[in-house]
């Protein structure tokens, strides 16, 4: 179904409704993936659809990469506490506010 909707930012231009929705909701991607990999991801992610399974798998992978990068940052530059720091002092400050 091709329903066009006017674009508010460009007068005289309209987008096919599907394109407008996919622009708002997410990116449409075409990828050639091995059947075995897709099947494995579907089984492990337990999504109802391939899209749902891929979203779960990619989100998980992205989170793991963020954690790895943060861990590497902390390894290179470990956290240092102020001299005289204590959890009790911080709790006292938090409770006072």
PDB file of N, CA and C in Angstrom:
ATOM      1  N   UNK A   1       0.841  -1.170   0.000  1.00  0.00           N
ATOM      2  CA  UNK A   1       0.000   0.000   0.000  1.00  0.00           C
ATOM      3  C   UNK A   1       0.888   1.237   0.000  1.00  0.00           C
ATOM      4  N   UNK A   2       0.731   2.098  -0.986  1.00  0.00           N
ATOM      5  CA  UNK A   2       1.548   3.302  -1.086  1.00  0.00           C
ATOM      6  C   UNK A   2       0.698   4.506  -0.722  1.00  0.00           C
ATOM      7  N   UNK A   3       0.839   4.950   0.498  1.00  0.00           N
ATOM      8  CA  UNK A   3       0.170   6.164   0.947  1.00  0.00           C
ATOM      9  C   UNK A   3       1.254   7.211   1.127  1.00  0.00           C
ATOM     10  N   UNK A   4       1.077   8.358   0.512  1.00  0.00           N
ATOM     11  CA  UNK A   4       2.099   9.389   0.669  1.00  0.00           C
ATOM     12  C   UNK A   4       1.684  10.354   1.760  1.00  0.00           C
ATOM     13  N   UNK A   5       2.672  10.877   2.449  1.00  0.00           N
ATOM     14  CA  UNK A   5       2.441  11.848   3.513  1.00  0.00           C
ATOM     15  C   UNK A   5       3.372  13.026   3.271  1.00  0.00           C
ATOM     16  N   UNK A   6       2.873  14.253   3.382  1.00  0.00           N
ATOM     17  CA  UNK A   6       3.729  15.409   3.140  1.00  0.00           C
ATOM     18  C   UNK A   6       4.811  15.534   4.197  1.00  0.00           C
ATOM     19  N   UNK A   7       5.967  16.008   3.766  1.00  0.00           N
ATOM     20  CA  UNK A   7       7.056  16.274   4.704  1.00  0.00           C
ATOM     21  C   UNK A   7       6.928  17.707   5.173  1.00  0.00           C
ATOM     22  N   UNK A   8       6.900  17.900   6.454  1.00  0.00           N
ATOM     23  CA  UNK A   8       6.748  19.240   7.011  1.00  0.00           C
ATOM     24  C   UNK A   8       7.981  20.102   6.756  1.00  0.00           C
ATOM     25  N   UNK A   9       9.160  19.476   6.683  1.00  0.00           N
ATOM     26  CA  UNK A   9      10.390  20.249   6.546  1.00  0.00           C
ATOM     27  C   UNK A   9      10.691  20.678   5.114  1.00  0.00           C
ATOM     28  N   UNK A  10      10.066  20.039   4.106  1.00  0.00           N
ATOM     29  CA  UNK A  10      10.307  20.395   2.708  1.00  0.00           C
ATOM     30  C   UNK A  10       8.965  20.517   1.996  1.00  0.00           C
ATOM     31  N   UNK A  11       8.537  21.753   1.689  1.00  0.00           N
ATOM     32  CA  UNK A  11       7.253  21.931   1.013  1.00  0.00           C
ATOM     33  C   UNK A  11       7.254  21.270  -0.368  1.00  0.00           C
ATOM     34  N   UNK A  12       6.129  20.663  -0.740  1.00  0.00           N
ATOM     35  CA  UNK A  12       5.999  20.051  -2.055  1.00  0.00           C
ATOM     36  C   UNK A  12       6.611  18.662  -2.162  1.00  0.00           C
ATOM     37  N   UNK A  13       7.251  18.152  -1.104  1.00  0.00           N
ATOM     38  CA  UNK A  13       7.861  16.823  -1.114  1.00  0.00           C
ATOM     39  C   UNK A  13       7.048  15.917  -0.197  1.00  0.00           C
ATOM     40  N   UNK A  14       6.811  14.704  -0.642  1.00  0.00           N
ATOM     41  CA  UNK A  14       6.127  13.749   0.222  1.00  0.00           C
ATOM     42  C   UNK A  14       6.871  12.425   0.182  1.00  0.00           C
ATOM     43  N   UNK A  15       6.740  11.672   1.234  1.00  0.00           N
ATOM     44  CA  UNK A  15       7.387  10.366   1.347  1.00  0.00           C
ATOM     45  C   UNK A  15       6.322   9.285   1.338  1.00  0.00           C
ATOM     46  N   UNK A  16       6.682   8.129   0.843  1.00  0.00           N
ATOM     47  CA  UNK A  16       5.793   6.982   0.975  1.00  0.00           C
ATOM     48  C   UNK A  16       5.689   6.709   2.478  1.00  0.00           C
ATOM     49  N   UNK A  17       4.496   6.443   2.966  1.00  0.00           N
ATOM     50  CA  UNK A  17       4.268   6.275   4.401  1.00  0.00           C
ATOM     51  C   UNK A  17       5.220   5.266   5.017  1.00  0.00           C
ATOM     52  N   UNK A  18       5.482   4.142   4.316  1.00  0.00           N
ATOM     53  CA  UNK A  18       6.387   3.134   4.854  1.00  0.00           C
ATOM     54  C   UNK A  18       7.767   3.728   5.084  1.00  0.00           C
ATOM     55  N   UNK A  19       8.264   4.505   4.115  1.00  0.00           N
ATOM     56  CA  UNK A  19       9.586   5.116   4.263  1.00  0.00           C
ATOM     57  C   UNK A  19       9.616   6.066   5.438  1.00  0.00           C
ATOM     58  N   UNK A  20       8.549   6.837   5.599  1.00  0.00           N
ATOM     59  CA  UNK A  20       8.480   7.782   6.709  1.00  0.00           C
ATOM     60  C   UNK A  20       8.487   7.026   8.030  1.00  0.00           C
ATOM     61  N   UNK A  21       7.715   5.955   8.132  1.00  0.00           N
ATOM     62  CA  UNK A  21       7.676   5.180   9.371  1.00  0.00           C
ATOM     63  C   UNK A  21       9.010   4.507   9.648  1.00  0.00           C
ATOM     64  N   UNK A  22       9.639   3.931   8.623  1.00  0.00           N
ATOM     65  CA  UNK A  22      10.913   3.265   8.850  1.00  0.00           C
ATOM     66  C   UNK A  22      11.978   4.282   9.236  1.00  0.00           C
ATOM     67  N   UNK A  23      11.860   5.503   8.731  1.00  0.00           N
ATOM     68  CA  UNK A  23      12.802   6.559   9.109  1.00  0.00           C
ATOM     69  C   UNK A  23      12.629   6.900  10.586  1.00  0.00           C
ATOM     70  N   UNK A  24      11.392   6.932  11.046  1.00  0.00           N
ATOM     71  CA  UNK A  24      11.116   7.271  12.447  1.00  0.00           C
ATOM     72  C   UNK A  24      11.439   6.091  13.361  1.00  0.00           C
ATOM     73  N   UNK A  25      11.027   4.882  12.959  1.00  0.00           N
ATOM     74  CA  UNK A  25      11.141   3.706  13.813  1.00  0.00           C
ATOM     75  C   UNK A  25      12.532   3.090  13.763  1.00  0.00           C
ATOM     76  N   UNK A  26      13.108   2.929  12.593  1.00  0.00           N
ATOM     77  CA  UNK A  26      14.410   2.289  12.499  1.00  0.00           C
ATOM     78  C   UNK A  26      14.879   2.162  11.069  1.00  0.00           C
ATOM     79  N   UNK A  27      16.021   1.553  10.919  1.00  0.00           N
ATOM     80  CA  UNK A  27      16.663   1.418   9.624  1.00  0.00           C
ATOM     81  C   UNK A  27      16.286   0.094   8.969  1.00  0.00           C
ATOM     82  N   UNK A  28      15.949   0.163   7.685  1.00  0.00           N
ATOM     83  CA  UNK A  28      15.689  -1.053   6.924  1.00  0.00           C
ATOM     84  C   UNK A  28      17.027  -1.489   6.343  1.00  0.00           C
ATOM     85  N   UNK A  29      17.392  -2.752   6.566  1.00  0.00           N
ATOM     86  CA  UNK A  29      18.703  -3.251   6.159  1.00  0.00           C
ATOM     87  C   UNK A  29      18.538  -4.514   5.335  1.00  0.00           C
ATOM     88  N   UNK A  30      19.330  -4.618   4.278  1.00  0.00           N
ATOM     89  CA  UNK A  30      19.404  -5.855   3.508  1.00  0.00           C
ATOM     90  C   UNK A  30      20.792  -6.429   3.742  1.00  0.00           C
ATOM     91  N   UNK A  31      20.854  -7.663   4.192  1.00  0.00           N
ATOM     92  CA  UNK A  31      22.145  -8.298   4.463  1.00  0.00           C
ATOM     93  C   UNK A  31      22.075  -9.759   4.036  1.00  0.00           C
ATOM     94  N   UNK A  32      23.171 -10.243   3.519  1.00  0.00           N
ATOM     95  CA  UNK A  32      23.267 -11.661   3.147  1.00  0.00           C
ATOM     96  C   UNK A  32      23.990 -12.366   4.292  1.00  0.00           C
ATOM     97  N   UNK A  33      23.254 -13.209   5.004  1.00  0.00           N
ATOM     98  CA  UNK A  33      23.786 -13.903   6.175  1.00  0.00           C
ATOM     99  C   UNK A  33      23.659 -15.405   5.976  1.00  0.00           C
ATOM    100  N   UNK A  34      24.608 -16.162   6.484  1.00  0.00           N
ATOM    101  CA  UNK A  34      24.512 -17.622   6.383  1.00  0.00           C
ATOM    102  C   UNK A  34      23.283 -18.139   7.135  1.00  0.00           C
ATOM    103  N   UNK A  35      22.585 -19.081   6.523  1.00  0.00           N
ATOM    104  CA  UNK A  35      21.383 -19.662   7.141  1.00  0.00           C
ATOM    105  C   UNK A  35      21.662 -20.209   8.533  1.00  0.00           C
ATOM    106  N   UNK A  36      22.797 -20.873   8.686  1.00  0.00           N
ATOM    107  CA  UNK A  36      23.138 -21.470   9.980  1.00  0.00           C
ATOM    108  C   UNK A  36      23.283 -20.400  11.057  1.00  0.00           C
ATOM    109  N   UNK A  37      23.879 -19.257  10.703  1.00  0.00           N
ATOM    110  CA  UNK A  37      24.040 -18.167  11.667  1.00  0.00           C
ATOM    111  C   UNK A  37      22.691 -17.590  12.074  1.00  0.00           C
ATOM    112  N   UNK A  38      21.825 -17.347  11.102  1.00  0.00           N
ATOM    113  CA  UNK A  38      20.492 -16.805  11.393  1.00  0.00           C
ATOM    114  C   UNK A  38      19.706 -17.780  12.262  1.00  0.00           C
ATOM    115  N   UNK A  39      19.784 -19.047  11.939  1.00  0.00           N
ATOM    116  CA  UNK A  39      19.079 -20.073  12.715  1.00  0.00           C
ATOM    117  C   UNK A  39      19.600 -20.110  14.155  1.00  0.00           C
ATOM    118  N   UNK A  40      20.919 -20.043  14.302  1.00  0.00           N
ATOM    119  CA  UNK A  40      21.535 -20.050  15.632  1.00  0.00           C
ATOM    120  C   UNK A  40      21.090 -18.826  16.437  1.00  0.00           C
ATOM    121  N   UNK A  41      21.106 -17.661  15.796  1.00  0.00           N
ATOM    122  CA  UNK A  41      20.682 -16.430  16.481  1.00  0.00           C
ATOM    123  C   UNK A  41      19.214 -16.523  16.885  1.00  0.00           C
ATOM    124  N   UNK A  42      18.368 -17.027  15.995  1.00  0.00           N
ATOM    125  CA  UNK A  42      16.946 -17.176  16.326  1.00  0.00           C
ATOM    126  C   UNK A  42      16.759 -18.078  17.540  1.00  0.00           C
ATOM    127  N   UNK A  43      17.489 -19.190  17.577  1.00  0.00           N
ATOM    128  CA  UNK A  43      17.357 -20.122  18.704  1.00  0.00           C
ATOM    129  C   UNK A  43      17.870 -19.517  20.004  1.00  0.00           C
ATOM    130  N   UNK A  44      19.009 -18.846  19.944  1.00  0.00           N
ATOM    131  CA  UNK A  44      19.608 -18.288  21.162  1.00  0.00           C
ATOM    132  C   UNK A  44      18.863 -17.056  21.669  1.00  0.00           C
ATOM    133  N   UNK A  45      18.428 -16.193  20.750  1.00  0.00           N
ATOM    134  CA  UNK A  45      17.756 -14.951  21.150  1.00  0.00           C
ATOM    135  C   UNK A  45      16.289 -15.179  21.506  1.00  0.00           C
ATOM    136  N   UNK A  46      15.740 -16.275  20.991  1.00  0.00           N
ATOM    137  CA  UNK A  46      14.346 -16.643  21.269  1.00  0.00           C
ATOM    138  C   UNK A  46      13.343 -15.553  20.875  1.00  0.00           C
ATOM    139  N   UNK A  47      13.653 -14.860  19.782  1.00  0.00           N
ATOM    140  CA  UNK A  47      12.721 -13.855  19.287  1.00  0.00           C
ATOM    141  C   UNK A  47      11.588 -14.506  18.516  1.00  0.00           C
ATOM    142  N   UNK A  48      10.470 -13.788  18.404  1.00  0.00           N
ATOM    143  CA  UNK A  48       9.329 -14.303  17.648  1.00  0.00           C
ATOM    144  C   UNK A  48       9.592 -14.201  16.147  1.00  0.00           C
ATOM    145  N   UNK A  49      10.418 -13.216  15.760  1.00  0.00           N
ATOM    146  CA  UNK A  49      10.750 -13.015  14.352  1.00  0.00           C
ATOM    147  C   UNK A  49      12.261 -12.912  14.203  1.00  0.00           C
ATOM    148  N   UNK A  50      12.724 -12.986  12.962  1.00  0.00           N
ATOM    149  CA  UNK A  50      14.158 -12.814  12.715  1.00  0.00           C
ATOM    150  C   UNK A  50      14.573 -11.412  13.143  1.00  0.00           C
ATOM    151  N   UNK A  51      13.746 -10.423  12.824  1.00  0.00           N
ATOM    152  CA  UNK A  51      14.066  -9.037  13.202  1.00  0.00           C
ATOM    153  C   UNK A  51      14.221  -8.906  14.708  1.00  0.00           C
ATOM    154  N   UNK A  52      13.281  -9.451  15.456  1.00  0.00           N
ATOM    155  CA  UNK A  52      13.345  -9.384  16.917  1.00  0.00           C
ATOM    156  C   UNK A  52      14.597 -10.091  17.448  1.00  0.00           C
ATOM    157  N   UNK A  53      14.922 -11.225  16.853  1.00  0.00           N
ATOM    158  CA  UNK A  53      16.119 -11.968  17.270  1.00  0.00           C
ATOM    159  C   UNK A  53      17.389 -11.188  16.964  1.00  0.00           C
ATOM    160  N   UNK A  54      17.442 -10.571  15.784  1.00  0.00           N
ATOM    161  CA  UNK A  54      18.619  -9.777  15.423  1.00  0.00           C
ATOM    162  C   UNK A  54      18.759  -8.553  16.313  1.00  0.00           C
ATOM    163  N   UNK A  55      17.648  -7.907  16.647  1.00  0.00           N
ATOM    164  CA  UNK A  55      17.695  -6.752  17.546  1.00  0.00           C
ATOM    165  C   UNK A  55      18.250  -7.179  18.901  1.00  0.00           C
ATOM    166  N   UNK A  56      17.764  -8.297  19.422  1.00  0.00           N
ATOM    167  CA  UNK A  56      18.254  -8.809  20.704  1.00  0.00           C
ATOM    168  C   UNK A  56      19.744  -9.111  20.630  1.00  0.00           C
ATOM    169  N   UNK A  57      20.165  -9.816  19.579  1.00  0.00           N
ATOM    170  CA  UNK A  57      21.572 -10.204  19.444  1.00  0.00           C
ATOM    171  C   UNK A  57      22.474  -8.981  19.273  1.00  0.00           C
ATOM    172  N   UNK A  58      22.064  -8.043  18.433  1.00  0.00           N
ATOM    173  CA  UNK A  58      22.893  -6.848  18.211  1.00  0.00           C
ATOM    174  C   UNK A  58      22.945  -5.954  19.445  1.00  0.00           C
ATOM    175  N   UNK A  59      21.839  -5.843  20.155  1.00  0.00           N
ATOM    176  CA  UNK A  59      21.825  -5.051  21.394  1.00  0.00           C
ATOM    177  C   UNK A  59      22.763  -5.660  22.427  1.00  0.00           C
ATOM    178  N   UNK A  60      22.707  -6.982  22.551  1.00  0.00           N
ATOM    179  CA  UNK A  60      23.573  -7.692  23.497  1.00  0.00           C
ATOM    180  C   UNK A  60      25.044  -7.494  23.117  1.00  0.00           C
ATOM    181  N   UNK A  61      25.359  -7.655  21.837  1.00  0.00           N
ATOM    182  CA  UNK A  61      26.734  -7.482  21.364  1.00  0.00           C
ATOM    183  C   UNK A  61      27.210  -6.057  21.626  1.00  0.00           C
ATOM    184  N   UNK A  62      26.355  -5.084  21.327  1.00  0.00           N
ATOM    185  CA  UNK A  62      26.714  -3.679  21.542  1.00  0.00           C
ATOM    186  C   UNK A  62      26.994  -3.406  23.023  1.00  0.00           C
ATOM    187  N   UNK A  63      26.157  -3.927  23.902  1.00  0.00           N
ATOM    188  CA  UNK A  63      26.364  -3.752  25.349  1.00  0.00           C
ATOM    189  C   UNK A  63      27.687  -4.361  25.790  1.00  0.00           C
ATOM    190  N   UNK A  64      27.993  -5.547  25.272  1.00  0.00           N
ATOM    191  CA  UNK A  64      29.260  -6.196  25.625  1.00  0.00           C
ATOM    192  C   UNK A  64      30.453  -5.363  25.172  1.00  0.00           C
ATOM    193  N   UNK A  65      30.359  -4.759  23.989  1.00  0.00           N
ATOM    194  CA  UNK A  65      31.464  -3.936  23.487  1.00  0.00           C
ATOM    195  C   UNK A  65      31.658  -2.690  24.347  1.00  0.00           C
ATOM    196  N   UNK A  66      30.547  -2.085  24.794  1.00  0.00           N
ATOM    197  CA  UNK A  66      30.646  -0.918  25.684  1.00  0.00           C
ATOM    198  C   UNK A  66      31.329  -1.297  27.000  1.00  0.00           C
ATOM    199  N   UNK A  67      30.962  -2.454  27.525  1.00  0.00           N
ATOM    200  CA  UNK A  67      31.568  -2.918  28.774  1.00  0.00           C
ATOM    201  C   UNK A  67      33.060  -3.187  28.573  1.00  0.00           C
ATOM    202  N   UNK A  68      33.435  -3.818  27.455  1.00  0.00           N
ATOM    203  CA  UNK A  68      34.852  -4.077  27.168  1.00  0.00           C
ATOM    204  C   UNK A  68      35.644  -2.776  27.089  1.00  0.00           C
ATOM    205  N   UNK A  69      35.082  -1.777  26.403  1.00  0.00           N
ATOM    206  CA  UNK A  69      35.781  -0.493  26.263  1.00  0.00           C
ATOM    207  C   UNK A  69      35.927   0.201  27.610  1.00  0.00           C
ATOM    208  N   UNK A  70      34.881   0.175  28.422  1.00  0.00           N
ATOM    209  CA  UNK A  70      34.947   0.786  29.745  1.00  0.00           C
ATOM    210  C   UNK A  70      35.961   0.063  30.614  1.00  0.00           C
ATOM    211  N   UNK A  71      35.973  -1.255  30.554  1.00  0.00           N
ATOM    212  CA  UNK A  71      36.934  -2.053  31.320  1.00  0.00           C
ATOM    213  C   UNK A  71      38.360  -1.706  30.911  1.00  0.00           C
ATOM    214  N   UNK A  72      38.584  -1.547  29.616  1.00  0.00           N
ATOM    215  CA  UNK A  72      39.907  -1.181  29.110  1.00  0.00           C
ATOM    216  C   UNK A  72      40.316   0.213  29.596  1.00  0.00           C
ATOM    217  N   UNK A  73      39.360   1.142  29.604  1.00  0.00           N
ATOM    218  CA  UNK A  73      39.644   2.496  30.110  1.00  0.00           C
ATOM    219  C   UNK A  73      40.052   2.456  31.579  1.00  0.00           C
ATOM    220  N   UNK A  74      39.306   1.691  32.366  1.00  0.00           N
ATOM    221  CA  UNK A  74      39.596   1.590  33.797  1.00  0.00           C
ATOM    222  C   UNK A  74      40.928   0.875  34.015  1.00  0.00           C
ATOM    223  N   UNK A  75      41.252  -0.113  33.172  1.00  0.00           N
ATOM    224  CA  UNK A  75      42.530  -0.802  33.289  1.00  0.00           C
ATOM    225  C   UNK A  75      43.685   0.158  33.019  1.00  0.00           C
ATOM    226  N   UNK A  76      43.528   0.999  32.000  1.00  0.00           N
ATOM    227  CA  UNK A  76      44.588   1.949  31.650  1.00  0.00           C
ATOM    228  C   UNK A  76      44.698   3.081  32.667  1.00  0.00           C
ATOM    229  N   UNK A  77      43.576   3.487  33.214  1.00  0.00           N
ATOM    230  CA  UNK A  77      43.559   4.583  34.170  1.00  0.00           C
ATOM    231  C   UNK A  77      42.626   4.209  35.327  1.00  0.00           C
ATOM    232  N   UNK A  78      43.153   3.454  36.299  1.00  0.00           N
ATOM    233  CA  UNK A  78      42.306   2.964  37.398  1.00  0.00           C
ATOM    234  C   UNK A  78      41.661   4.110  38.188  1.00  0.00           C
ATOM    235  N   UNK A  79      40.524   3.801  38.757  1.00  0.00           N
ATOM    236  CA  UNK A  79      39.835   4.776  39.599  1.00  0.00           C
ATOM    237  C   UNK A  79      40.686   5.055  40.838  1.00  0.00           C
ATOM    238  N   UNK A  80      40.752   6.316  41.211  1.00  0.00           N
ATOM    239  CA  UNK A  80      41.494   6.686  42.421  1.00  0.00           C
ATOM    240  C   UNK A  80      40.559   7.441  43.360  1.00  0.00           C
ATOM    241  N   UNK A  81      40.626   7.115  44.619  1.00  0.00           N
ATOM    242  CA  UNK A  81      39.780   7.770  45.603  1.00  0.00           C
ATOM    243  C   UNK A  81      40.569   8.864  46.311  1.00  0.00           C
ATOM    244  N   UNK A  82      39.855   9.873  46.741  1.00  0.00           N
ATOM    245  CA  UNK A  82      40.457  10.997  47.450  1.00  0.00           C
ATOM    246  C   UNK A  82      41.001  10.502  48.794  1.00  0.00           C
ATOM    247  N   UNK A  83      42.128  11.063  49.225  1.00  0.00           N
ATOM    248  CA  UNK A  83      42.690  10.714  50.525  1.00  0.00           C
ATOM    249  C   UNK A  83      41.646  11.013  51.598  1.00  0.00           C
ATOM    250  N   UNK A  84      41.438  10.074  52.477  1.00  0.00           N
ATOM    251  CA  UNK A  84      40.460  10.241  53.551  1.00  0.00           C
ATOM    252  C   UNK A  84      39.044   9.866  53.125  1.00  0.00           C
ATOM    253  N   UNK A  85      38.892   9.338  51.930  1.00  0.00           N
ATOM    254  CA  UNK A  85      37.572   8.940  51.445  1.00  0.00           C
ATOM    255  C   UNK A  85      37.051   7.782  52.272  1.00  0.00           C
ATOM    256  N   UNK A  86      35.781   7.845  52.587  1.00  0.00           N
ATOM    257  CA  UNK A  86      35.145   6.691  53.220  1.00  0.00           C
ATOM    258  C   UNK A  86      33.678   6.664  52.805  1.00  0.00           C
ATOM    259  N   UNK A  87      33.165   5.482  52.702  1.00  0.00           N
ATOM    260  CA  UNK A  87      31.768   5.320  52.321  1.00  0.00           C
ATOM    261  C   UNK A  87      30.852   5.937  53.365  1.00  0.00           C
ATOM    262  N   UNK A  88      31.259   5.893  54.622  1.00  0.00           N
ATOM    263  CA  UNK A  88      30.435   6.462  55.689  1.00  0.00           C
ATOM    264  C   UNK A  88      30.276   7.969  55.514  1.00  0.00           C
ATOM    265  N   UNK A  89      31.359   8.671  55.129  1.00  0.00           N
ATOM    266  CA  UNK A  89      31.275  10.115  54.903  1.00  0.00           C
ATOM    267  C   UNK A  89      30.323  10.433  53.753  1.00  0.00           C
ATOM    268  N   UNK A  90      30.413   9.655  52.695  1.00  0.00           N
ATOM    269  CA  UNK A  90      29.540   9.881  51.545  1.00  0.00           C
ATOM    270  C   UNK A  90      28.090   9.623  51.923  1.00  0.00           C
ATOM    271  N   UNK A  91      27.829   8.559  52.657  1.00  0.00           N
ATOM    272  CA  UNK A  91      26.459   8.271  53.105  1.00  0.00           C
ATOM    273  C   UNK A  91      25.929   9.413  53.955  1.00  0.00           C
ATOM    274  N   UNK A  92      26.797   9.931  54.817  1.00  0.00           N
ATOM    275  CA  UNK A  92      26.387  11.069  55.655  1.00  0.00           C
ATOM    276  C   UNK A  92      26.015  12.286  54.822  1.00  0.00           C
ATOM    277  N   UNK A  93      26.803  12.560  53.776  1.00  0.00           N
ATOM    278  CA  UNK A  93      26.504  13.680  52.883  1.00  0.00           C
ATOM    279  C   UNK A  93      25.196  13.458  52.134  1.00  0.00           C
ATOM    280  N   UNK A  94      25.008  12.232  51.677  1.00  0.00           N
ATOM    281  CA  UNK A  94      23.774  11.920  50.926  1.00  0.00           C
ATOM    282  C   UNK A  94      22.545  12.019  51.817  1.00  0.00           C
ATOM    283  N   UNK A  95      22.661  11.606  53.051  1.00  0.00           N
ATOM    284  CA  UNK A  95      21.513  11.637  53.960  1.00  0.00           C
ATOM    285  C   UNK A  95      21.202  13.046  54.427  1.00  0.00           C
ATOM    286  N   UNK A  96      22.235  13.907  54.445  1.00  0.00           N
ATOM    287  CA  UNK A  96      22.048  15.290  54.886  1.00  0.00           C
ATOM    288  C   UNK A  96      21.297  16.107  53.829  1.00  0.00           C
ATOM    289  N   UNK A  97      21.402  15.698  52.558  1.00  0.00           N
ATOM    290  CA  UNK A  97      20.735  16.507  51.517  1.00  0.00           C
ATOM    291  C   UNK A  97      19.307  16.152  51.299  1.00  0.00           C
TER     292      UNK A  97
END
